[in-house]
Every structure is written in C-alpha cells, then in structure tokens.
Amino acid sequence: VYYDPIGETLTVWFGNPDDEYICEETREEVILMKDRAGNVIG
C-alpha cells in the first residue's frame, strides 16, 4: 500500500507490480492495473 499526499493517490498492489501489462480507468476515479491474462493485480 502506497499513499502519495502530494499526488493525492492511494495505490494498492496484491500482485507483482512488475507483471503490470495494462491499466483501465473506471468512472469512480479508480485505475485497475492488470496482468497479461487480464487479472487485476492492483
């Protein structure tokens, strides 16, 4: 879990960040980080 008070972001990884392949933004100001298989890893 990473909190950036200057950028005002909260980032949570429950998978390996190095496996990030694509990001998808939702309507709720949340960005989903996914691996190549499409699994959400953060």
All heavy atoms as atom14 arrays in JSON, in Angstrom:
{
  "sequence": "VYYDPIGETLTVWFGNPDDEYICEETREEVILMKDRAGNVIG",
  "atom14_mask": [
    [1, 1, 1, 1, 1, 1, 1, 0, 0, 0, 0, 0, 0, 0],
    [1, 1, 1, 1, 1, 1, 1, 1, 1, 1, 1, 1, 0, 0],
    [1, 1, 1, 1, 1, 1, 1, 1, 1, 1, 1, 1, 0, 0],
    [1, 1, 1, 1, 1, 1, 1, 1, 0, 0, 0, 0, 0, 0],
    [1, 1, 1, 1, 1, 1, 1, 0, 0, 0, 0, 0, 0, 0],
    [1, 1, 1, 1, 1, 1, 1, 1, 0, 0, 0, 0, 0, 0],
    [1, 1, 1, 1, 0, 0, 0, 0, 0, 0, 0, 0, 0, 0],
    [1, 1, 1, 1, 1, 1, 1, 1, 1, 0, 0, 0, 0, 0],
    [1, 1, 1, 1, 1, 1, 1, 0, 0, 0, 0, 0, 0, 0],
    [1, 1, 1, 1, 1, 1, 1, 1, 0, 0, 0, 0, 0, 0],
    [1, 1, 1, 1, 1, 1, 1, 0, 0, 0, 0, 0, 0, 0],
    [1, 1, 1, 1, 1, 1, 1, 0, 0, 0, 0, 0, 0, 0],
    [1, 1, 1, 1, 1, 1, 1, 1, 1, 1, 1, 1, 1, 1],
    [1, 1, 1, 1, 1, 1, 1, 1, 1, 1, 1, 0, 0, 0],
    [1, 1, 1, 1, 0, 0, 0, 0, 0, 0, 0, 0, 0, 0],
    [1, 1, 1, 1, 1, 1, 1, 1, 0, 0, 0, 0, 0, 0],
    [1, 1, 1, 1, 1, 1, 1, 0, 0, 0, 0, 0, 0, 0],
    [1, 1, 1, 1, 1, 1, 1, 1, 0, 0, 0, 0, 0, 0],
    [1, 1, 1, 1, 1, 1, 1, 1, 0, 0, 0, 0, 0, 0],
    [1, 1, 1, 1, 1, 1, 1, 1, 1, 0, 0, 0, 0, 0],
    [1, 1, 1, 1, 1, 1, 1, 1, 1, 1, 1, 1, 0, 0],
    [1, 1, 1, 1, 1, 1, 1, 1, 0, 0, 0, 0, 0, 0],
    [1, 1, 1, 1, 1, 1, 0, 0, 0, 0, 0, 0, 0, 0],
    [1, 1, 1, 1, 1, 1, 1, 1, 1, 0, 0, 0, 0, 0],
    [1, 1, 1, 1, 1, 1, 1, 1, 1, 0, 0, 0, 0, 0],
    [1, 1, 1, 1, 1, 1, 1, 0, 0, 0, 0, 0, 0, 0],
    [1, 1, 1, 1, 1, 1, 1, 1, 1, 1, 1, 0, 0, 0],
    [1, 1, 1, 1, 1, 1, 1, 1, 1, 0, 0, 0, 0, 0],
    [1, 1, 1, 1, 1, 1, 1, 1, 1, 0, 0, 0, 0, 0],
    [1, 1, 1, 1, 1, 1, 1, 0, 0, 0, 0, 0, 0, 0],
    [1, 1, 1, 1, 1, 1, 1, 1, 0, 0, 0, 0, 0, 0],
    [1, 1, 1, 1, 1, 1, 1, 1, 0, 0, 0, 0, 0, 0],
    [1, 1, 1, 1, 1, 1, 1, 1, 0, 0, 0, 0, 0, 0],
    [1, 1, 1, 1, 1, 1, 1, 1, 1, 0, 0, 0, 0, 0],
    [1, 1, 1, 1, 1, 1, 1, 1, 0, 0, 0, 0, 0, 0],
    [1, 1, 1, 1, 1, 1, 1, 1, 1, 1, 1, 0, 0, 0],
    [1, 1, 1, 1, 1, 0, 0, 0, 0, 0, 0, 0, 0, 0],
    [1, 1, 1, 1, 0, 0, 0, 0, 0, 0, 0, 0, 0, 0],
    [1, 1, 1, 1, 1, 1, 1, 1, 0, 0, 0, 0, 0, 0],
    [1, 1, 1, 1, 1, 1, 1, 0, 0, 0, 0, 0, 0, 0],
    [1, 1, 1, 1, 1, 1, 1, 1, 0, 0, 0, 0, 0, 0],
    [1, 1, 1, 1, 0, 0, 0, 0, 0, 0, 0, 0, 0, 0]
  ],
  "atom14_positions": [
    [[0.86, -1.18, 0.0], [0.0, 0.0, 0.0], [0.89, 1.23, 0.0], [1.8, 1.35, 0.82], [-0.92, 0.02, 1.24], [-1.8, 1.26, 1.23], [-1.78, -1.24, 1.3], [0.0, 0.0, 0.0], [0.0, 0.0, 0.0], [0.0, 0.0, 0.0], [0.0, 0.0, 0.0], [0.0, 0.0, 0.0], [0.0, 0.0, 0.0], [0.0, 0.0, 0.0]],
    [[0.64, 2.13, -0.95], [1.4, 3.37, -1.06], [0.43, 4.55, -1.07], [-0.54, 4.54, -1.82], [2.21, 3.4, -2.36], [3.17, 2.25, -2.51], [2.81, 1.11, -3.22], [4.43, 2.29, -1.94], [3.67, 0.04, -3.36], [5.32, 1.23, -2.08], [4.94, 0.12, -2.79], [5.8, -0.94, -2.93], [0.0, 0.0, 0.0], [0.0, 0.0, 0.0]],
    [[0.74, 5.54, -0.26], [-0.06, 6.77, -0.24], [0.83, 7.92, -0.64], [1.91, 8.11, -0.07], [-0.66, 7.01, 1.14], [-1.34, 8.36, 1.26], [-2.43, 8.68, 0.45], [-0.89, 9.31, 2.15], [-3.04, 9.91, 0.54], [-1.51, 10.55, 2.26], [-2.59, 10.84, 1.44], [-3.2, 12.06, 1.53], [0.0, 0.0, 0.0], [0.0, 0.0, 0.0]],
    [[0.41, 8.7, -1.62], [1.14, 9.88, -2.08], [0.31, 11.12, -1.74], [-0.67, 11.41, -2.44], [1.38, 9.78, -3.59], [2.07, 11.01, -4.16], [2.42, 11.94, -3.39], [2.27, 11.04, -5.38], [0.0, 0.0, 0.0], [0.0, 0.0, 0.0], [0.0, 0.0, 0.0], [0.0, 0.0, 0.0], [0.0, 0.0, 0.0], [0.0, 0.0, 0.0]],
    [[0.67, 11.84, -0.67], [-0.12, 13.01, -0.28], [-0.01, 14.16, -1.27], [-0.94, 14.95, -1.39], [0.45, 13.39, 1.08], [1.83, 12.84, 1.1], [1.79, 11.61, 0.24], [0.0, 0.0, 0.0], [0.0, 0.0, 0.0], [0.0, 0.0, 0.0], [0.0, 0.0, 0.0], [0.0, 0.0, 0.0], [0.0, 0.0, 0.0], [0.0, 0.0, 0.0]],
    [[1.09, 14.25, -2.01], [1.24, 15.34, -2.97], [0.4, 15.05, -4.22], [-0.34, 15.9, -4.71], [2.72, 15.56, -3.33], [3.47, 16.01, -2.08], [2.87, 16.56, -4.47], [4.96, 16.05, -2.23], [0.0, 0.0, 0.0], [0.0, 0.0, 0.0], [0.0, 0.0, 0.0], [0.0, 0.0, 0.0], [0.0, 0.0, 0.0], [0.0, 0.0, 0.0]],
    [[0.49, 13.83, -4.74], [-0.29, 13.44, -5.91], [-1.71, 13.03, -5.55], [-2.53, 12.8, -6.44], [0.0, 0.0, 0.0], [0.0, 0.0, 0.0], [0.0, 0.0, 0.0], [0.0, 0.0, 0.0], [0.0, 0.0, 0.0], [0.0, 0.0, 0.0], [0.0, 0.0, 0.0], [0.0, 0.0, 0.0], [0.0, 0.0, 0.0], [0.0, 0.0, 0.0]],
    [[-1.98, 12.91, -4.25], [-3.3, 12.5, -3.73], [-3.76, 11.19, -4.36], [-4.85, 11.09, -4.93], [-4.34, 13.6, -3.93], [-4.03, 14.85, -3.14], [-5.07, 15.93, -3.28], [-5.88, 15.9, -4.23], [-5.09, 16.82, -2.42], [0.0, 0.0, 0.0], [0.0, 0.0, 0.0], [0.0, 0.0, 0.0], [0.0, 0.0, 0.0], [0.0, 0.0, 0.0]],
    [[-2.9, 10.18, -4.25], [-3.25, 8.86, -4.75], [-3.0, 7.81, -3.68], [-2.1, 7.93, -2.85], [-2.44, 8.48, -6.0], [-1.04, 8.52, -5.69], [-2.74, 9.41, -7.16], [0.0, 0.0, 0.0], [0.0, 0.0, 0.0], [0.0, 0.0, 0.0], [0.0, 0.0, 0.0], [0.0, 0.0, 0.0], [0.0, 0.0, 0.0], [0.0, 0.0, 0.0]],
    [[-3.8, 6.77, -3.71], [-3.62, 5.6, -2.87], [-3.49, 4.42, -3.82], [-4.39, 4.16, -4.63], [-4.82, 5.39, -1.94], [-4.73, 4.17, -1.04], [-3.69, 4.4, 0.05], [-6.08, 3.86, -0.43], [0.0, 0.0, 0.0], [0.0, 0.0, 0.0], [0.0, 0.0, 0.0], [0.0, 0.0, 0.0], [0.0, 0.0, 0.0], [0.0, 0.0, 0.0]],
    [[-2.35, 3.73, -3.76], [-2.09, 2.61, -4.65], [-1.96, 1.34, -3.83], [-1.25, 1.32, -2.83], [-0.79, 2.85, -5.45], [-0.88, 4.12, -6.11], [-0.57, 1.76, -6.48], [0.0, 0.0, 0.0], [0.0, 0.0, 0.0], [0.0, 0.0, 0.0], [0.0, 0.0, 0.0], [0.0, 0.0, 0.0], [0.0, 0.0, 0.0], [0.0, 0.0, 0.0]],
    [[-2.65, 0.3, -4.26], [-2.63, -0.98, -3.57], [-2.28, -2.07, -4.58], [-2.93, -2.18, -5.63], [-4.0, -1.29, -2.92], [-3.98, -2.64, -2.23], [-4.4, -0.2, -1.95], [0.0, 0.0, 0.0], [0.0, 0.0, 0.0], [0.0, 0.0, 0.0], [0.0, 0.0, 0.0], [0.0, 0.0, 0.0], [0.0, 0.0, 0.0], [0.0, 0.0, 0.0]],
    [[-1.24, -2.83, -4.26], [-0.83, -3.96, -5.08], [-1.06, -5.25, -4.31], [-0.62, -5.38, -3.18], [0.66, -3.88, -5.43], [1.01, -2.77, -6.36], [1.52, -1.56, -6.03], [0.9, -2.77, -7.78], [1.71, -0.8, -7.15], [1.34, -1.53, -8.25], [0.44, -3.71, -8.7], [1.35, -1.2, -9.59], [0.46, -3.38, -10.05], [0.91, -2.14, -10.48]],
    [[-1.75, -6.21, -4.9], [-1.87, -7.54, -4.31], [-1.32, -8.58, -5.27], [-1.51, -9.77, -5.11], [-3.31, -7.87, -3.89], [-4.37, -7.26, -4.75], [-4.81, -7.88, -5.88], [-4.91, -6.03, -4.4], [-5.79, -7.32, -6.67], [-5.89, -5.45, -5.19], [-6.33, -6.1, -6.33], [0.0, 0.0, 0.0], [0.0, 0.0, 0.0], [0.0, 0.0, 0.0]],
    [[-0.63, -8.1, -6.26], [0.12, -8.93, -7.2], [1.46, -8.27, -7.42], [1.76, -7.22, -6.83], [0.0, 0.0, 0.0], [0.0, 0.0, 0.0], [0.0, 0.0, 0.0], [0.0, 0.0, 0.0], [0.0, 0.0, 0.0], [0.0, 0.0, 0.0], [0.0, 0.0, 0.0], [0.0, 0.0, 0.0], [0.0, 0.0, 0.0], [0.0, 0.0, 0.0]],
    [[2.28, -8.85, -8.25], [3.6, -8.3, -8.53], [3.49, -7.08, -9.44], [3.02, -7.21, -10.58], [4.47, -9.38, -9.18], [5.88, -8.94, -9.42], [6.23, -7.78, -9.26], [6.72, -9.87, -9.82], [0.0, 0.0, 0.0], [0.0, 0.0, 0.0], [0.0, 0.0, 0.0], [0.0, 0.0, 0.0], [0.0, 0.0, 0.0], [0.0, 0.0, 0.0]],
    [[3.93, -5.91, -9.0], [3.85, -4.7, -9.84], [4.58, -4.85, -11.17], [4.21, -4.24, -12.17], [4.48, -3.61, -8.99], [4.32, -4.09, -7.58], [4.43, -5.58, -7.65], [0.0, 0.0, 0.0], [0.0, 0.0, 0.0], [0.0, 0.0, 0.0], [0.0, 0.0, 0.0], [0.0, 0.0, 0.0], [0.0, 0.0, 0.0], [0.0, 0.0, 0.0]],
    [[5.62, -5.7, -11.2], [6.37, -5.92, -12.45], [5.53, -6.64, -13.5], [5.87, -6.64, -14.68], [7.64, -6.72, -12.18], [8.64, -5.93, -11.34], [8.6, -4.68, -11.37], [9.45, -6.57, -10.65], [0.0, 0.0, 0.0], [0.0, 0.0, 0.0], [0.0, 0.0, 0.0], [0.0, 0.0, 0.0], [0.0, 0.0, 0.0], [0.0, 0.0, 0.0]],
    [[4.44, -7.28, -13.08], [3.56, -8.01, -14.02], [2.51, -7.1, -14.66], [1.72, -7.57, -15.49], [2.85, -9.16, -13.3], [3.8, -10.26, -12.89], [4.9, -10.34, -13.46], [3.44, -11.04, -11.98], [0.0, 0.0, 0.0], [0.0, 0.0, 0.0], [0.0, 0.0, 0.0], [0.0, 0.0, 0.0], [0.0, 0.0, 0.0], [0.0, 0.0, 0.0]],
    [[2.52, -5.81, -14.32], [1.53, -4.89, -14.9], [1.68, -4.84, -16.4], [2.76, -4.63, -16.93], [1.7, -3.49, -14.32], [0.72, -2.49, -14.88], [0.93, -1.08, -14.34], [1.71, -0.9, -13.4], [0.31, -0.17, -14.9], [0.0, 0.0, 0.0], [0.0, 0.0, 0.0], [0.0, 0.0, 0.0], [0.0, 0.0, 0.0], [0.0, 0.0, 0.0]],
    [[0.57, -5.04, -17.1], [0.56, -5.03, -18.56], [-0.31, -3.91, -19.12], [0.05, -3.26, -20.09], [0.08, -6.39, -19.07], [-0.01, -6.48, -20.56], [1.14, -6.52, -21.34], [-1.24, -6.54, -21.21], [1.07, -6.6, -22.72], [-1.32, -6.62, -22.58], [-0.17, -6.65, -23.33], [-0.24, -6.72, -24.71], [0.0, 0.0, 0.0], [0.0, 0.0, 0.0]],
    [[-1.45, -3.69, -18.47], [-2.4, -2.68, -18.96], [-3.15, -2.09, -17.77], [-3.29, -2.73, -16.73], [-3.38, -3.28, -19.98], [-4.13, -2.2, -20.73], [-4.31, -4.27, -19.32], [-4.84, -2.68, -21.99], [0.0, 0.0, 0.0], [0.0, 0.0, 0.0], [0.0, 0.0, 0.0], [0.0, 0.0, 0.0], [0.0, 0.0, 0.0], [0.0, 0.0, 0.0]],
    [[-3.6, -0.86, -17.93], [-4.4, -0.18, -16.9], [-5.76, 0.17, -17.5], [-5.87, 0.46, -18.69], [-3.73, 1.1, -16.43], [-2.18, 0.83, -15.6], [0.0, 0.0, 0.0], [0.0, 0.0, 0.0], [0.0, 0.0, 0.0], [0.0, 0.0, 0.0], [0.0, 0.0, 0.0], [0.0, 0.0, 0.0], [0.0, 0.0, 0.0], [0.0, 0.0, 0.0]],
    [[-6.76, 0.17, -16.63], [-8.12, 0.5, -17.06], [-8.72, 1.46, -16.03], [-8.79, 1.14, -14.85], [-8.95, -0.78, -17.14], [-10.39, -0.57, -17.45], [-11.14, -1.9, -17.41], [-10.58, -2.93, -17.81], [-12.29, -1.89, -16.94], [0.0, 0.0, 0.0], [0.0, 0.0, 0.0], [0.0, 0.0, 0.0], [0.0, 0.0, 0.0], [0.0, 0.0, 0.0]],
    [[-9.14, 2.64, -16.49], [-9.74, 3.6, -15.57], [-11.25, 3.37, -15.47], [-11.92, 3.15, -16.47], [-9.46, 5.03, -16.03], [-9.9, 6.06, -15.01], [-9.42, 7.47, -15.32], [-8.67, 7.66, -16.29], [-9.81, 8.38, -14.58], [0.0, 0.0, 0.0], [0.0, 0.0, 0.0], [0.0, 0.0, 0.0], [0.0, 0.0, 0.0], [0.0, 0.0, 0.0]],
    [[-11.76, 3.42, -14.27], [-13.19, 3.27, -14.05], [-13.82, 4.66, -13.9], [-13.12, 5.66, -13.87], [-13.48, 2.45, -12.77], [-13.12, 3.24, -11.63], [-12.72, 1.15, -12.76], [0.0, 0.0, 0.0], [0.0, 0.0, 0.0], [0.0, 0.0, 0.0], [0.0, 0.0, 0.0], [0.0, 0.0, 0.0], [0.0, 0.0, 0.0], [0.0, 0.0, 0.0]],
    [[-15.12, 4.72, -13.77], [-15.81, 6.0, -13.62], [-15.68, 6.56, -12.21], [-16.02, 7.69, -11.96], [-17.29, 5.83, -13.95], [-17.51, 5.51, -15.39], [-18.97, 5.4, -15.71], [-19.11, 5.03, -17.1], [-20.2, 4.54, -17.62], [-21.26, 4.36, -16.86], [-20.25, 4.23, -18.89], [0.0, 0.0, 0.0], [0.0, 0.0, 0.0], [0.0, 0.0, 0.0]],
    [[-15.2, 5.76, -11.27], [-15.11, 6.18, -9.87], [-13.71, 6.68, -9.51], [-13.3, 6.62, -8.35], [-15.48, 5.01, -8.94], [-16.93, 4.59, -9.03], [-17.17, 3.66, -10.22], [-16.25, 2.95, -10.65], [-18.31, 3.66, -10.73], [0.0, 0.0, 0.0], [0.0, 0.0, 0.0], [0.0, 0.0, 0.0], [0.0, 0.0, 0.0], [0.0, 0.0, 0.0]],
    [[-12.95, 7.16, -10.5], [-11.58, 7.64, -10.3], [-10.69, 6.56, -9.7], [-9.87, 6.8, -8.82], [-11.55, 8.9, -9.44], [-12.23, 10.08, -10.09], [-12.07, 11.36, -9.3], [-12.0, 11.32, -8.06], [-12.0, 12.42, -9.94], [0.0, 0.0, 0.0], [0.0, 0.0, 0.0], [0.0, 0.0, 0.0], [0.0, 0.0, 0.0], [0.0, 0.0, 0.0]],
    [[-10.88, 5.34, -10.19], [-10.06, 4.21, -9.78], [-9.42, 3.64, -11.05], [-10.09, 3.46, -12.06], [-10.9, 3.12, -9.08], [-10.07, 1.87, -8.82], [-11.48, 3.66, -7.79], [0.0, 0.0, 0.0], [0.0, 0.0, 0.0], [0.0, 0.0, 0.0], [0.0, 0.0, 0.0], [0.0, 0.0, 0.0], [0.0, 0.0, 0.0], [0.0, 0.0, 0.0]],
    [[-8.13, 3.36, -10.96], [-7.42, 2.75, -12.07], [-7.1, 1.31, -11.68], [-6.52, 1.07, -10.61], [-6.13, 3.52, -12.4], [-6.5, 4.93, -12.86], [-5.32, 2.78, -13.46], [-5.33, 5.84, -13.08], [0.0, 0.0, 0.0], [0.0, 0.0, 0.0], [0.0, 0.0, 0.0], [0.0, 0.0, 0.0], [0.0, 0.0, 0.0], [0.0, 0.0, 0.0]],
    [[-7.49, 0.37, -12.51], [-7.2, -1.05, -12.27], [-5.95, -1.42, -13.05], [-5.86, -1.18, -14.25], [-8.37, -1.92, -12.73], [-9.73, -1.63, -12.1], [-10.8, -2.52, -12.73], [-9.67, -1.82, -10.6], [0.0, 0.0, 0.0], [0.0, 0.0, 0.0], [0.0, 0.0, 0.0], [0.0, 0.0, 0.0], [0.0, 0.0, 0.0], [0.0, 0.0, 0.0]],
    [[-4.97, -2.0, -12.37], [-3.77, -2.5, -13.02], [-3.94, -4.0, -13.24], [-4.3, -4.72, -12.31], [-2.53, -2.22, -12.17], [-2.08, -0.77, -12.2], [-2.95, 0.29, -11.05], [-2.06, 0.0, -9.56], [0.0, 0.0, 0.0], [0.0, 0.0, 0.0], [0.0, 0.0, 0.0], [0.0, 0.0, 0.0], [0.0, 0.0, 0.0], [0.0, 0.0, 0.0]],
    [[-3.69, -4.43, -14.48], [-3.92, -5.82, -14.84], [-2.67, -6.46, -15.43], [-1.83, -5.77, -16.01], [-5.06, -5.92, -15.86], [-6.38, -5.39, -15.36], [-7.46, -5.53, -16.41], [-8.8, -5.06, -15.88], [-9.87, -5.26, -16.89], [0.0, 0.0, 0.0], [0.0, 0.0, 0.0], [0.0, 0.0, 0.0], [0.0, 0.0, 0.0], [0.0, 0.0, 0.0]],
    [[-2.6, -7.79, -15.29], [-1.51, -8.54, -15.91], [-1.91, -8.93, -17.33], [-2.99, -8.58, -17.8], [-1.11, -9.75, -15.05], [-2.23, -10.77, -14.89], [-3.25, -10.72, -15.62], [-2.08, -11.64, -14.01], [0.0, 0.0, 0.0], [0.0, 0.0, 0.0], [0.0, 0.0, 0.0], [0.0, 0.0, 0.0], [0.0, 0.0, 0.0], [0.0, 0.0, 0.0]],
    [[-1.05, -9.66, -18.02], [-1.32, -10.05, -19.42], [-2.58, -10.9, -19.56], [-3.23, -10.88, -20.6], [-0.13, -10.8, -20.0], [1.03, -9.9, -20.32], [2.1, -10.69, -21.08], [3.2, -9.82, -21.44], [3.26, -9.11, -22.55], [2.28, -9.15, -23.41], [4.3, -8.34, -22.8], [0.0, 0.0, 0.0], [0.0, 0.0, 0.0], [0.0, 0.0, 0.0]],
    [[-2.92, -11.65, -18.52], [-4.11, -12.51, -18.58], [-5.39, -11.74, -18.26], [-6.48, -12.3, -18.32], [-3.95, -13.67, -17.61], [0.0, 0.0, 0.0], [0.0, 0.0, 0.0], [0.0, 0.0, 0.0], [0.0, 0.0, 0.0], [0.0, 0.0, 0.0], [0.0, 0.0, 0.0], [0.0, 0.0, 0.0], [0.0, 0.0, 0.0], [0.0, 0.0, 0.0]],
    [[-5.27, -10.45, -17.91], [-6.44, -9.63, -17.59], [-6.84, -9.68, -16.13], [-7.87, -9.13, -15.76], [0.0, 0.0, 0.0], [0.0, 0.0, 0.0], [0.0, 0.0, 0.0], [0.0, 0.0, 0.0], [0.0, 0.0, 0.0], [0.0, 0.0, 0.0], [0.0, 0.0, 0.0], [0.0, 0.0, 0.0], [0.0, 0.0, 0.0], [0.0, 0.0, 0.0]],
    [[-6.02, -10.32, -15.3], [-6.29, -10.37, -13.86], [-5.91, -9.06, -13.2], [-4.84, -8.51, -13.48], [-5.5, -11.51, -13.2], [-5.84, -12.85, -13.79], [-7.0, -13.21, -13.91], [-4.82, -13.6, -14.17], [0.0, 0.0, 0.0], [0.0, 0.0, 0.0], [0.0, 0.0, 0.0], [0.0, 0.0, 0.0], [0.0, 0.0, 0.0], [0.0, 0.0, 0.0]],
    [[-6.75, -8.56, -12.33], [-6.45, -7.33, -11.6], [-5.41, -7.66, -10.54], [-5.59, -8.55, -9.71], [-7.72, -6.74, -10.95], [-7.36, -5.52, -10.11], [-8.74, -6.38, -12.0], [0.0, 0.0, 0.0], [0.0, 0.0, 0.0], [0.0, 0.0, 0.0], [0.0, 0.0, 0.0], [0.0, 0.0, 0.0], [0.0, 0.0, 0.0], [0.0, 0.0, 0.0]],
    [[-4.27, -6.95, -10.59], [-3.19, -7.18, -9.63], [-2.97, -5.97, -8.73], [-2.11, -5.99, -7.85], [-1.88, -7.57, -10.35], [-1.46, -6.49, -11.33], [-2.03, -8.92, -11.03], [-0.08, -6.71, -11.94], [0.0, 0.0, 0.0], [0.0, 0.0, 0.0], [0.0, 0.0, 0.0], [0.0, 0.0, 0.0], [0.0, 0.0, 0.0], [0.0, 0.0, 0.0]],
    [[-3.75, -4.92, -8.96], [-3.65, -3.73, -8.11], [-4.64, -2.67, -8.57], [-5.29, -2.81, -9.6], [0.0, 0.0, 0.0], [0.0, 0.0, 0.0], [0.0, 0.0, 0.0], [0.0, 0.0, 0.0], [0.0, 0.0, 0.0], [0.0, 0.0, 0.0], [0.0, 0.0, 0.0], [0.0, 0.0, 0.0], [0.0, 0.0, 0.0], [0.0, 0.0, 0.0]]
  ]
}
